[in-house]
Structures are given as C-alpha cells and as structure tokens.
Amino acid sequence: MKHIRKVLLAILVLLVTLPCVTTGFATTRYTGYINKDTYVYQKASKSSKKIKVARNTKVYVIGAKGNFYHVQNVKNKVKAYALKSCVSRTKVPEPSSGGDDTGDDTGDDTGETVDPGTETETGKPSWKSKVVKLDWYKTGKNVLKRGGYAYLYDITTGIKLRIKRMGGTNHADVEPATKADTAKLKKIAGGKFSWVCHAVILMANNQYVACSVNTMPHGQQTITNNGYDGQFCLHMVNSKTHGTGKVNPNHQACINKAYKWAHG
C-alpha cells in the first residue's frame, strides 16, 4: 500500500510541475482589449461562425494560433477567436463625435499629413512637381507606417481614394478606408477588380510617391465594413511580390509611368 501511495504521489508532483499547454496554441496569457468594432469567431478561421463585439471589450488572451488569439470575454466568460490585429494590451480612444462615419476602423491616421488637394477628377493637380520615385527597401517602406492612412491618386481617371496600410514587407498591403473608397477603387479598375497594374501617386507624410497598385481583394483585412474583402498591393521602386519574392516588371512600368506623368 505504501508503495502505491508513493507512486501516486510521484505522479501528482509530475502533473503539478508540468507547464500548462493548450494543444496547438502558444502559451500566451494576458488581459487585453478588442481595439475596434469587429467580429470574433467560433473557430480559428474567418469562415467559421462569428459574432460582433464592441470596441474596447475587455478579454483574457488564453492562447494563440496562427493569426488568431483565443480569447475569453471578461464579463460573460464566453470564449472565441479574434484576429491578432484586433487585440491590444490597452484601450484605444473612442472616435470623436462629428468625425467621418467610417464605421468600425477609423484607426490611427499616422502618415496622413499631406494635403490631397482640392482639384476635381478633371482638374490639374498642383502637386505634380513634387512627385518622386523611392526605393521600397531604402526609404519607401517608411513613407506610410502600418496602421496609417493616406490617399491614392489614379493618374488615368483622376480619382482619389483614402487607404489604410495594414502591413506588408516586400511591398505595402493596403485597404480602402470606407465603402465609398472601395467604390472609387472599383471605378479605377474599370468596374471589375483584377490583378492589372495601375499607375498611381501615393500621398502621405508630406510626400508624393510614384507607385503601382492592383485592385484584386485577397488575403486578410482589418477593416470589416468597407465592402472590400481583403487587401490589395501597393508597389514602389524595387519592391517585390510576396508570392515570388521577385520584382514585378509590370508594377515597375506603372511606377515609371506615374513619374513621367508628373514630370513629362
């Protein structure tokens, strides 16, 4: 009997001293806040069932997997999965009253310190002489910080839309800021989103940069009410695609086209 007790005691000590591990998840545990009005999911997948949660909802982060945190609502103890980009360690400021009605992701306007101009779609921009070409890996990637807002000007149509940079390493991954901006992007695309390149000017942080974009929604998103399911790509000189890791000649041609339009 004493031998059995010793064995059971040894097993108990082993169980107590083993680290707490949730299968498939990193051992991440802290109190955080949902940083915008968004959705949380039943599983670690955006295709699973979802419910809407309010900005600054307090949660316990109890695990992590891929792009998701496993969270538990502090108030009602309900567990769900939230995109990592939607969880912060501190509360975020509430939108000021009387501002733009941009819905669940007004975000940080870092980078939008440039006057987009007052010209109409057929008018002549006053800032054309300020347009530059920048190498993405040297200075270009710092023009618009992650989470910052800016403007794109399409040289063919004269359409100007507001965007947000959500991420990107080889180039910038951006989103239309609102549904109205998504409609403008679709007009630039000729009525149908595609991988076709378009010559544009990025207007951000007091700079005007010759760039190229496609319009096809793909990948992740951080703005869930802009009518655009994903992100699109913004390229500068020598930027590369994420899929191939190579410089895309079509994007480079559009960058040169945008620069020549400004200085031709």
C-alpha atoms as a PDB file:
ATOM      1  CA  MET A   1       0.000   0.000   0.000  1.00  0.00           C
ATOM      2  CA  LYS A   2       2.873   2.411   0.885  1.00  0.00           C
ATOM      3  CA  HIS A   3       4.456   1.663  -2.498  1.00  0.00           C
ATOM      4  CA  ILE A   4       1.206   2.550  -4.315  1.00  0.00           C
ATOM      5  CA  ARG A   5       0.923   5.788  -2.341  1.00  0.00           C
ATOM      6  CA  LYS A   6       4.478   6.756  -3.304  1.00  0.00           C
ATOM      7  CA  VAL A   7       3.728   6.100  -6.981  1.00  0.00           C
ATOM      8  CA  LEU A   8       0.531   8.178  -6.866  1.00  0.00           C
ATOM      9  CA  LEU A   9       2.361  10.988  -5.050  1.00  0.00           C
ATOM     10  CA  ALA A  10       5.103  10.989  -7.706  1.00  0.00           C
ATOM     11  CA  ILE A  11       2.518  11.199 -10.485  1.00  0.00           C
ATOM     12  CA  LEU A  12       0.755  14.075  -8.710  1.00  0.00           C
ATOM     13  CA  VAL A  13       4.029  16.010  -8.318  1.00  0.00           C
ATOM     14  CA  LEU A  14       4.802  15.477 -12.019  1.00  0.00           C
ATOM     15  CA  LEU A  15       1.383  16.777 -13.086  1.00  0.00           C
ATOM     16  CA  VAL A  16       1.682  19.863 -10.892  1.00  0.00           C
ATOM     17  CA  THR A  17       5.140  20.760 -12.175  1.00  0.00           C
ATOM     18  CA  LEU A  18       4.417  20.230 -15.893  1.00  0.00           C
ATOM     19  CA  PRO A  19       3.921  23.519 -17.849  1.00  0.00           C
ATOM     20  CA  CYS A  20       0.363  24.407 -18.809  1.00  0.00           C
ATOM     21  CA  VAL A  21      -0.006  23.719 -22.547  1.00  0.00           C
ATOM     22  CA  THR A  22      -3.065  24.124 -24.762  1.00  0.00           C
ATOM     23  CA  THR A  23      -2.699  21.852 -27.778  1.00  0.00           C
ATOM     24  CA  GLY A  24      -1.758  23.812 -30.906  1.00  0.00           C
ATOM     25  CA  PHE A  25      -1.505  27.147 -29.092  1.00  0.00           C
ATOM     26  CA  ALA A  26       1.315  29.264 -27.783  1.00  0.00           C
ATOM     27  CA  THR A  27       1.315  29.788 -24.012  1.00  0.00           C
ATOM     28  CA  THR A  28       0.189  33.428 -24.261  1.00  0.00           C
ATOM     29  CA  ARG A  29      -1.887  34.751 -21.359  1.00  0.00           C
ATOM     30  CA  TYR A  30      -2.693  38.381 -20.585  1.00  0.00           C
ATOM     31  CA  THR A  31      -5.580  40.836 -20.309  1.00  0.00           C
ATOM     32  CA  GLY A  32      -6.299  42.829 -23.450  1.00  0.00           C
ATOM     33  CA  TYR A  33      -8.953  44.802 -25.324  1.00  0.00           C
ATOM     34  CA  ILE A  34     -10.687  44.407 -28.670  1.00  0.00           C
ATOM     35  CA  ASN A  35      -9.384  47.509 -30.437  1.00  0.00           C
ATOM     36  CA  LYS A  36     -12.329  48.159 -32.779  1.00  0.00           C
ATOM     37  CA  ASP A  37     -15.894  47.102 -33.540  1.00  0.00           C
ATOM     38  CA  THR A  38     -15.272  43.776 -35.252  1.00  0.00           C
ATOM     39  CA  TYR A  39     -16.089  40.067 -35.263  1.00  0.00           C
ATOM     40  CA  VAL A  40     -14.859  37.141 -33.189  1.00  0.00           C
ATOM     41  CA  TYR A  41     -15.109  33.590 -34.450  1.00  0.00           C
ATOM     42  CA  GLN A  42     -16.197  30.210 -33.158  1.00  0.00           C
ATOM     43  CA  LYS A  43     -13.005  28.640 -34.514  1.00  0.00           C
ATOM     44  CA  ALA A  44      -9.578  29.950 -35.547  1.00  0.00           C
ATOM     45  CA  SER A  45     -10.924  30.638 -39.026  1.00  0.00           C
ATOM     46  CA  LYS A  46     -12.759  33.555 -40.634  1.00  0.00           C
ATOM     47  CA  SER A  47     -15.033  31.049 -42.361  1.00  0.00           C
ATOM     48  CA  SER A  48     -16.441  29.807 -39.036  1.00  0.00           C
ATOM     49  CA  LYS A  49     -19.482  31.242 -37.254  1.00  0.00           C
ATOM     50  CA  LYS A  50     -18.959  34.782 -35.991  1.00  0.00           C
ATOM     51  CA  ILE A  51     -20.490  37.356 -33.670  1.00  0.00           C
ATOM     52  CA  LYS A  52     -19.880  41.102 -33.478  1.00  0.00           C
ATOM     53  CA  VAL A  53     -18.124  42.606 -30.476  1.00  0.00           C
ATOM     54  CA  ALA A  54     -17.674  46.214 -29.494  1.00  0.00           C
ATOM     55  CA  ARG A  55     -14.528  48.301 -29.395  1.00  0.00           C
ATOM     56  CA  ASN A  56     -12.682  48.112 -26.041  1.00  0.00           C
ATOM     57  CA  THR A  57     -14.369  44.885 -24.937  1.00  0.00           C
ATOM     58  CA  LYS A  58     -12.085  43.503 -22.214  1.00  0.00           C
ATOM     59  CA  VAL A  59     -10.835  39.961 -22.804  1.00  0.00           C
ATOM     60  CA  TYR A  60      -8.392  37.432 -21.434  1.00  0.00           C
ATOM     61  CA  VAL A  61      -5.985  36.188 -24.096  1.00  0.00           C
ATOM     62  CA  ILE A  62      -5.652  32.495 -23.250  1.00  0.00           C
ATOM     63  CA  GLY A  63      -3.845  31.184 -26.305  1.00  0.00           C
ATOM     64  CA  ALA A  64      -2.598  31.905 -29.802  1.00  0.00           C
ATOM     65  CA  LYS A  65      -2.597  30.064 -33.110  1.00  0.00           C
ATOM     66  CA  GLY A  66      -1.540  31.479 -36.458  1.00  0.00           C
ATOM     67  CA  ASN A  67      -3.226  34.847 -36.986  1.00  0.00           C
ATOM     68  CA  PHE A  68      -5.694  34.341 -34.122  1.00  0.00           C
ATOM     69  CA  TYR A  69      -5.807  34.772 -30.349  1.00  0.00           C
ATOM     70  CA  HIS A  70      -8.024  32.504 -28.269  1.00  0.00           C
ATOM     71  CA  VAL A  71      -9.856  34.970 -26.025  1.00  0.00           C
ATOM     72  CA  GLN A  72     -12.380  34.881 -23.200  1.00  0.00           C
ATOM     73  CA  ASN A  73     -14.770  37.744 -22.546  1.00  0.00           C
ATOM     74  CA  VAL A  74     -14.064  39.027 -19.019  1.00  0.00           C
ATOM     75  CA  LYS A  75     -17.715  39.929 -18.423  1.00  0.00           C
ATOM     76  CA  ASN A  76     -19.605  36.841 -19.613  1.00  0.00           C
ATOM     77  CA  LYS A  77     -16.757  34.267 -19.855  1.00  0.00           C
ATOM     78  CA  VAL A  78     -17.645  33.409 -23.468  1.00  0.00           C
ATOM     79  CA  LYS A  79     -14.658  32.052 -25.398  1.00  0.00           C
ATOM     80  CA  ALA A  80     -13.941  32.806 -29.056  1.00  0.00           C
ATOM     81  CA  TYR A  81     -11.136  33.521 -31.526  1.00  0.00           C
ATOM     82  CA  ALA A  82     -10.085  37.042 -32.520  1.00  0.00           C
ATOM     83  CA  LEU A  83      -7.620  38.177 -35.162  1.00  0.00           C
ATOM     84  CA  LYS A  84      -4.372  39.246 -33.516  1.00  0.00           C
ATOM     85  CA  SER A  85      -4.575  42.628 -35.236  1.00  0.00           C
ATOM     86  CA  CYS A  86      -7.872  43.260 -33.406  1.00  0.00           C
ATOM     87  CA  VAL A  87      -6.458  42.792 -29.887  1.00  0.00           C
ATOM     88  CA  SER A  88      -4.432  45.400 -27.973  1.00  0.00           C
ATOM     89  CA  ARG A  89      -2.976  45.430 -24.482  1.00  0.00           C
ATOM     90  CA  THR A  90      -4.581  48.787 -23.699  1.00  0.00           C
ATOM     91  CA  LYS A  91      -7.844  50.533 -24.519  1.00  0.00           C
ATOM     92  CA  VAL A  92      -7.996  52.563 -27.700  1.00  0.00           C
ATOM     93  CA  PRO A  93      -9.506  56.066 -27.928  1.00  0.00           C
ATOM     94  CA  GLU A  94     -13.139  56.225 -28.957  1.00  0.00           C
ATOM     95  CA  PRO A  95     -13.872  58.059 -32.236  1.00  0.00           C
ATOM     96  CA  SER A  96     -14.631  61.737 -31.664  1.00  0.00           C
ATOM     97  CA  SER A  97     -18.182  62.850 -32.375  1.00  0.00           C
ATOM     98  CA  GLY A  98     -18.744  64.681 -35.621  1.00  0.00           C
ATOM     99  CA  GLY A  99     -15.925  62.842 -37.405  1.00  0.00           C
ATOM    100  CA  ASP A 100     -16.074  60.836 -40.600  1.00  0.00           C
ATOM    101  CA  ASP A 101     -18.539  57.987 -40.439  1.00  0.00           C
ATOM    102  CA  THR A 102     -16.053  55.297 -41.356  1.00  0.00           C
ATOM    103  CA  GLY A 103     -17.533  52.572 -39.202  1.00  0.00           C
ATOM    104  CA  ASP A 104     -15.506  50.035 -37.302  1.00  0.00           C
ATOM    105  CA  ASP A 105     -11.992  51.033 -38.263  1.00  0.00           C
ATOM    106  CA  THR A 106     -11.227  54.725 -38.187  1.00  0.00           C
ATOM    107  CA  GLY A 107      -7.802  53.736 -36.922  1.00  0.00           C
ATOM    108  CA  ASP A 108      -4.626  55.695 -36.429  1.00  0.00           C
ATOM    109  CA  ASP A 109      -4.146  58.409 -39.027  1.00  0.00           C
ATOM    110  CA  THR A 110      -0.346  58.184 -38.838  1.00  0.00           C
ATOM    111  CA  GLY A 111       1.052  59.199 -42.203  1.00  0.00           C
ATOM    112  CA  GLU A 112      -1.900  61.270 -43.426  1.00  0.00           C
ATOM    113  CA  THR A 113      -0.173  64.622 -43.049  1.00  0.00           C
ATOM    114  CA  VAL A 114      -0.412  65.621 -46.685  1.00  0.00           C
ATOM    115  CA  ASP A 115      -2.963  67.841 -48.371  1.00  0.00           C
ATOM    116  CA  PRO A 116      -4.613  65.699 -51.073  1.00  0.00           C
ATOM    117  CA  GLY A 117      -5.518  68.845 -52.991  1.00  0.00           C
ATOM    118  CA  THR A 118      -8.850  70.288 -53.978  1.00  0.00           C
ATOM    119  CA  GLU A 119      -8.754  69.544 -57.677  1.00  0.00           C
ATOM    120  CA  THR A 120     -11.633  67.718 -59.326  1.00  0.00           C
ATOM    121  CA  GLU A 121     -11.187  64.498 -61.261  1.00  0.00           C
ATOM    122  CA  THR A 122     -10.522  66.516 -64.422  1.00  0.00           C
ATOM    123  CA  GLY A 123      -8.521  69.286 -62.768  1.00  0.00           C
ATOM    124  CA  LYS A 124      -4.745  69.709 -62.794  1.00  0.00           C
ATOM    125  CA  PRO A 125      -3.094  68.676 -59.504  1.00  0.00           C
ATOM    126  CA  SER A 126      -0.945  71.400 -58.012  1.00  0.00           C
ATOM    127  CA  TRP A 127       1.500  68.896 -56.502  1.00  0.00           C
ATOM    128  CA  LYS A 128       2.715  67.147 -59.684  1.00  0.00           C
ATOM    129  CA  SER A 129       6.181  68.666 -59.475  1.00  0.00           C
ATOM    130  CA  LYS A 130       6.647  67.147 -56.005  1.00  0.00           C
ATOM    131  CA  VAL A 131       6.252  63.532 -57.164  1.00  0.00           C
ATOM    132  CA  VAL A 132       9.300  61.324 -56.531  1.00  0.00           C
ATOM    133  CA  LYS A 133      10.334  57.715 -57.014  1.00  0.00           C
ATOM    134  CA  LEU A 134      11.516  55.901 -53.890  1.00  0.00           C
ATOM    135  CA  ASP A 135      13.264  52.573 -53.439  1.00  0.00           C
ATOM    136  CA  TRP A 136      10.991  50.452 -51.259  1.00  0.00           C
ATOM    137  CA  TYR A 137      13.764  48.869 -49.198  1.00  0.00           C
ATOM    138  CA  LYS A 138      15.687  52.118 -48.584  1.00  0.00           C
ATOM    139  CA  THR A 139      13.121  54.793 -47.753  1.00  0.00           C
ATOM    140  CA  GLY A 140       9.845  53.875 -49.437  1.00  0.00           C
ATOM    141  CA  LYS A 141       8.596  51.443 -46.803  1.00  0.00           C
ATOM    142  CA  ASN A 142       8.705  54.204 -44.176  1.00  0.00           C
ATOM    143  CA  VAL A 143       6.513  56.721 -46.022  1.00  0.00           C
ATOM    144  CA  LEU A 144       3.299  55.137 -44.746  1.00  0.00           C
ATOM    145  CA  LYS A 145       3.549  53.301 -41.438  1.00  0.00           C
ATOM    146  CA  ARG A 146       1.499  50.199 -40.627  1.00  0.00           C
ATOM    147  CA  GLY A 147      -1.924  51.294 -39.451  1.00  0.00           C
ATOM    148  CA  GLY A 148      -1.562  54.706 -41.084  1.00  0.00           C
ATOM    149  CA  TYR A 149      -3.980  56.329 -43.533  1.00  0.00           C
ATOM    150  CA  ALA A 150      -3.132  58.107 -46.787  1.00  0.00           C
ATOM    151  CA  TYR A 151      -4.501  58.873 -50.267  1.00  0.00           C
ATOM    152  CA  LEU A 152      -4.001  57.328 -53.708  1.00  0.00           C
ATOM    153  CA  TYR A 153      -4.442  59.361 -56.882  1.00  0.00           C
ATOM    154  CA  ASP A 154      -5.026  57.390 -60.089  1.00  0.00           C
ATOM    155  CA  ILE A 155      -3.355  59.231 -62.973  1.00  0.00           C
ATOM    156  CA  THR A 156      -5.673  57.786 -65.630  1.00  0.00           C
ATOM    157  CA  THR A 157      -9.045  58.641 -64.096  1.00  0.00           C
ATOM    158  CA  GLY A 158      -8.094  61.420 -61.673  1.00  0.00           C
ATOM    159  CA  ILE A 159      -9.903  59.514 -58.935  1.00  0.00           C
ATOM    160  CA  LYS A 160      -8.583  59.981 -55.409  1.00  0.00           C
ATOM    161  CA  LEU A 161      -9.316  57.493 -52.616  1.00  0.00           C
ATOM    162  CA  ARG A 162      -8.332  57.084 -48.989  1.00  0.00           C
ATOM    163  CA  ILE A 163      -6.476  53.945 -47.925  1.00  0.00           C
ATOM    164  CA  LYS A 164      -5.053  52.299 -44.834  1.00  0.00           C
ATOM    165  CA  ARG A 165      -1.805  50.342 -44.726  1.00  0.00           C
ATOM    166  CA  MET A 166      -2.410  47.113 -42.826  1.00  0.00           C
ATOM    167  CA  GLY A 167       1.022  45.543 -43.326  1.00  0.00           C
ATOM    168  CA  GLY A 168       3.373  44.129 -45.917  1.00  0.00           C
ATOM    169  CA  THR A 169       7.152  43.575 -46.020  1.00  0.00           C
ATOM    170  CA  ASN A 170       8.130  43.231 -49.692  1.00  0.00           C
ATOM    171  CA  HIS A 171       5.538  45.872 -50.590  1.00  0.00           C
ATOM    172  CA  ALA A 172       2.650  47.596 -48.796  1.00  0.00           C
ATOM    173  CA  ASP A 173      -0.628  45.744 -48.192  1.00  0.00           C
ATOM    174  CA  VAL A 174      -3.411  48.326 -48.136  1.00  0.00           C
ATOM    175  CA  GLU A 175      -7.214  48.556 -47.881  1.00  0.00           C
ATOM    176  CA  PRO A 176      -9.844  51.098 -48.947  1.00  0.00           C
ATOM    177  CA  ALA A 177     -10.773  53.138 -45.866  1.00  0.00           C
ATOM    178  CA  THR A 178     -14.558  53.077 -46.451  1.00  0.00           C
ATOM    179  CA  LYS A 179     -17.221  51.683 -48.769  1.00  0.00           C
ATOM    180  CA  ALA A 180     -17.069  54.919 -50.736  1.00  0.00           C
ATOM    181  CA  ASP A 181     -13.345  54.384 -51.261  1.00  0.00           C
ATOM    182  CA  THR A 182     -13.980  50.799 -52.368  1.00  0.00           C
ATOM    183  CA  ALA A 183     -16.418  52.120 -54.971  1.00  0.00           C
ATOM    184  CA  LYS A 184     -13.731  54.517 -56.217  1.00  0.00           C
ATOM    185  CA  LEU A 185     -11.195  51.688 -56.440  1.00  0.00           C
ATOM    186  CA  LYS A 186     -13.658  49.636 -58.474  1.00  0.00           C
ATOM    187  CA  LYS A 187     -14.160  52.575 -60.821  1.00  0.00           C
ATOM    188  CA  ILE A 188     -10.385  52.819 -61.274  1.00  0.00           C
ATOM    189  CA  ALA A 189     -10.399  49.099 -62.106  1.00  0.00           C
ATOM    190  CA  GLY A 190     -12.970  49.658 -64.855  1.00  0.00           C
ATOM    191  CA  GLY A 191     -15.865  48.107 -62.931  1.00  0.00           C
ATOM    192  CA  LYS A 192     -14.221  44.798 -62.056  1.00  0.00           C
ATOM    193  CA  PHE A 193     -11.356  44.144 -59.642  1.00  0.00           C
ATOM    194  CA  SER A 194      -8.330  42.446 -61.213  1.00  0.00           C
ATOM    195  CA  TRP A 195      -4.567  41.894 -60.995  1.00  0.00           C
ATOM    196  CA  VAL A 196      -3.992  44.517 -63.713  1.00  0.00           C
ATOM    197  CA  CYS A 197      -1.498  47.194 -62.611  1.00  0.00           C
ATOM    198  CA  HIS A 198      -2.470  50.863 -62.335  1.00  0.00           C
ATOM    199  CA  ALA A 199      -0.174  53.881 -62.123  1.00  0.00           C
ATOM    200  CA  VAL A 200      -0.956  55.943 -59.011  1.00  0.00           C
ATOM    201  CA  ILE A 201       0.509  58.589 -56.732  1.00  0.00           C
ATOM    202  CA  LEU A 202       0.711  57.840 -53.002  1.00  0.00           C
ATOM    203  CA  MET A 203       0.114  60.972 -50.943  1.00  0.00           C
ATOM    204  CA  ALA A 204       1.311  60.501 -47.361  1.00  0.00           C
ATOM    205  CA  ASN A 205       3.556  62.088 -44.748  1.00  0.00           C
ATOM    206  CA  ASN A 206       4.090  65.213 -46.853  1.00  0.00           C
ATOM    207  CA  GLN A 207       5.367  63.137 -49.754  1.00  0.00           C
ATOM    208  CA  TYR A 208       4.056  62.311 -53.223  1.00  0.00           C
ATOM    209  CA  VAL A 209       5.389  58.978 -54.445  1.00  0.00           C
ATOM    210  CA  ALA A 210       5.013  57.316 -57.856  1.00  0.00           C
ATOM    211  CA  CYS A 211       3.549  53.864 -57.219  1.00  0.00           C
ATOM    212  CA  SER A 212       1.628  50.985 -58.764  1.00  0.00           C
ATOM    213  CA  VAL A 213      -1.346  49.015 -57.467  1.00  0.00           C
ATOM    214  CA  ASN A 214      -3.545  46.147 -58.457  1.00  0.00           C
ATOM    215  CA  THR A 215      -7.173  46.122 -57.329  1.00  0.00           C
ATOM    216  CA  MET A 216      -7.879  42.453 -56.595  1.00  0.00           C
ATOM    217  CA  PRO A 217      -9.008  41.795 -52.992  1.00  0.00           C
ATOM    218  CA  HIS A 218      -7.006  38.970 -51.420  1.00  0.00           C
ATOM    219  CA  GLY A 219      -5.563  37.865 -48.098  1.00  0.00           C
ATOM    220  CA  GLN A 220      -6.509  39.397 -44.765  1.00  0.00           C
ATOM    221  CA  GLN A 221      -8.272  42.596 -43.815  1.00  0.00           C
ATOM    222  CA  THR A 222      -8.515  44.817 -40.763  1.00  0.00           C
ATOM    223  CA  ILE A 223     -11.455  46.958 -41.913  1.00  0.00           C
ATOM    224  CA  THR A 224     -14.567  44.792 -41.958  1.00  0.00           C
ATOM    225  CA  ASN A 225     -17.216  47.281 -43.089  1.00  0.00           C
ATOM    226  CA  ASN A 226     -15.627  48.812 -46.194  1.00  0.00           C
ATOM    227  CA  GLY A 227     -17.226  46.406 -48.676  1.00  0.00           C
ATOM    228  CA  TYR A 228     -13.802  45.067 -49.679  1.00  0.00           C
ATOM    229  CA  ASP A 229     -12.989  41.503 -48.650  1.00  0.00           C
ATOM    230  CA  GLY A 230      -9.243  41.633 -48.192  1.00  0.00           C
ATOM    231  CA  GLN A 231      -6.286  43.818 -49.156  1.00  0.00           C
ATOM    232  CA  PHE A 232      -4.556  44.981 -52.339  1.00  0.00           C
ATOM    233  CA  CYS A 233      -0.899  45.571 -53.181  1.00  0.00           C
ATOM    234  CA  LEU A 234       0.966  48.878 -53.387  1.00  0.00           C
ATOM    235  CA  HIS A 235       4.395  48.772 -55.058  1.00  0.00           C
ATOM    236  CA  MET A 236       7.334  51.183 -55.237  1.00  0.00           C
ATOM    237  CA  VAL A 237      10.720  51.004 -56.959  1.00  0.00           C
ATOM    238  CA  ASN A 238      12.352  47.563 -56.475  1.00  0.00           C
ATOM    239  CA  SER A 239       9.531  46.227 -54.287  1.00  0.00           C
ATOM    240  CA  LYS A 240       8.803  42.539 -54.697  1.00  0.00           C
ATOM    241  CA  THR A 241       5.727  40.333 -54.716  1.00  0.00           C
ATOM    242  CA  HIS A 242       5.101  38.229 -51.622  1.00  0.00           C
ATOM    243  CA  GLY A 243       4.388  35.124 -53.686  1.00  0.00           C
ATOM    244  CA  THR A 244       7.507  35.045 -55.881  1.00  0.00           C
ATOM    245  CA  GLY A 245       9.892  37.240 -53.932  1.00  0.00           C
ATOM    246  CA  LYS A 246      10.804  38.940 -57.212  1.00  0.00           C
ATOM    247  CA  VAL A 247      10.428  42.420 -58.692  1.00  0.00           C
ATOM    248  CA  ASN A 248       7.363  42.563 -60.947  1.00  0.00           C
ATOM    249  CA  PRO A 249       8.148  44.346 -64.253  1.00  0.00           C
ATOM    250  CA  ASN A 250       4.525  45.392 -64.801  1.00  0.00           C
ATOM    251  CA  HIS A 251       4.411  47.230 -61.494  1.00  0.00           C
ATOM    252  CA  GLN A 252       7.773  48.868 -62.206  1.00  0.00           C
ATOM    253  CA  ALA A 253       6.497  50.035 -65.601  1.00  0.00           C
ATOM    254  CA  CYS A 254       3.468  51.657 -63.945  1.00  0.00           C
ATOM    255  CA  ILE A 255       5.699  53.380 -61.376  1.00  0.00           C
ATOM    256  CA  ASN A 256       7.736  54.887 -64.229  1.00  0.00           C
ATOM    257  CA  LYS A 257       4.501  55.833 -65.980  1.00  0.00           C
ATOM    258  CA  ALA A 258       3.269  57.677 -62.892  1.00  0.00           C
ATOM    259  CA  TYR A 259       6.574  59.522 -62.537  1.00  0.00           C
ATOM    260  CA  LYS A 260       6.680  60.532 -66.214  1.00  0.00           C
ATOM    261  CA  TRP A 261       3.055  61.700 -65.976  1.00  0.00           C
ATOM    262  CA  ALA A 262       4.079  64.028 -63.148  1.00  0.00           C
ATOM    263  CA  HIS A 263       7.221  65.390 -64.824  1.00  0.00           C
ATOM    264  CA  GLY A 264       6.550  64.922 -68.536  1.00  0.00           C
END
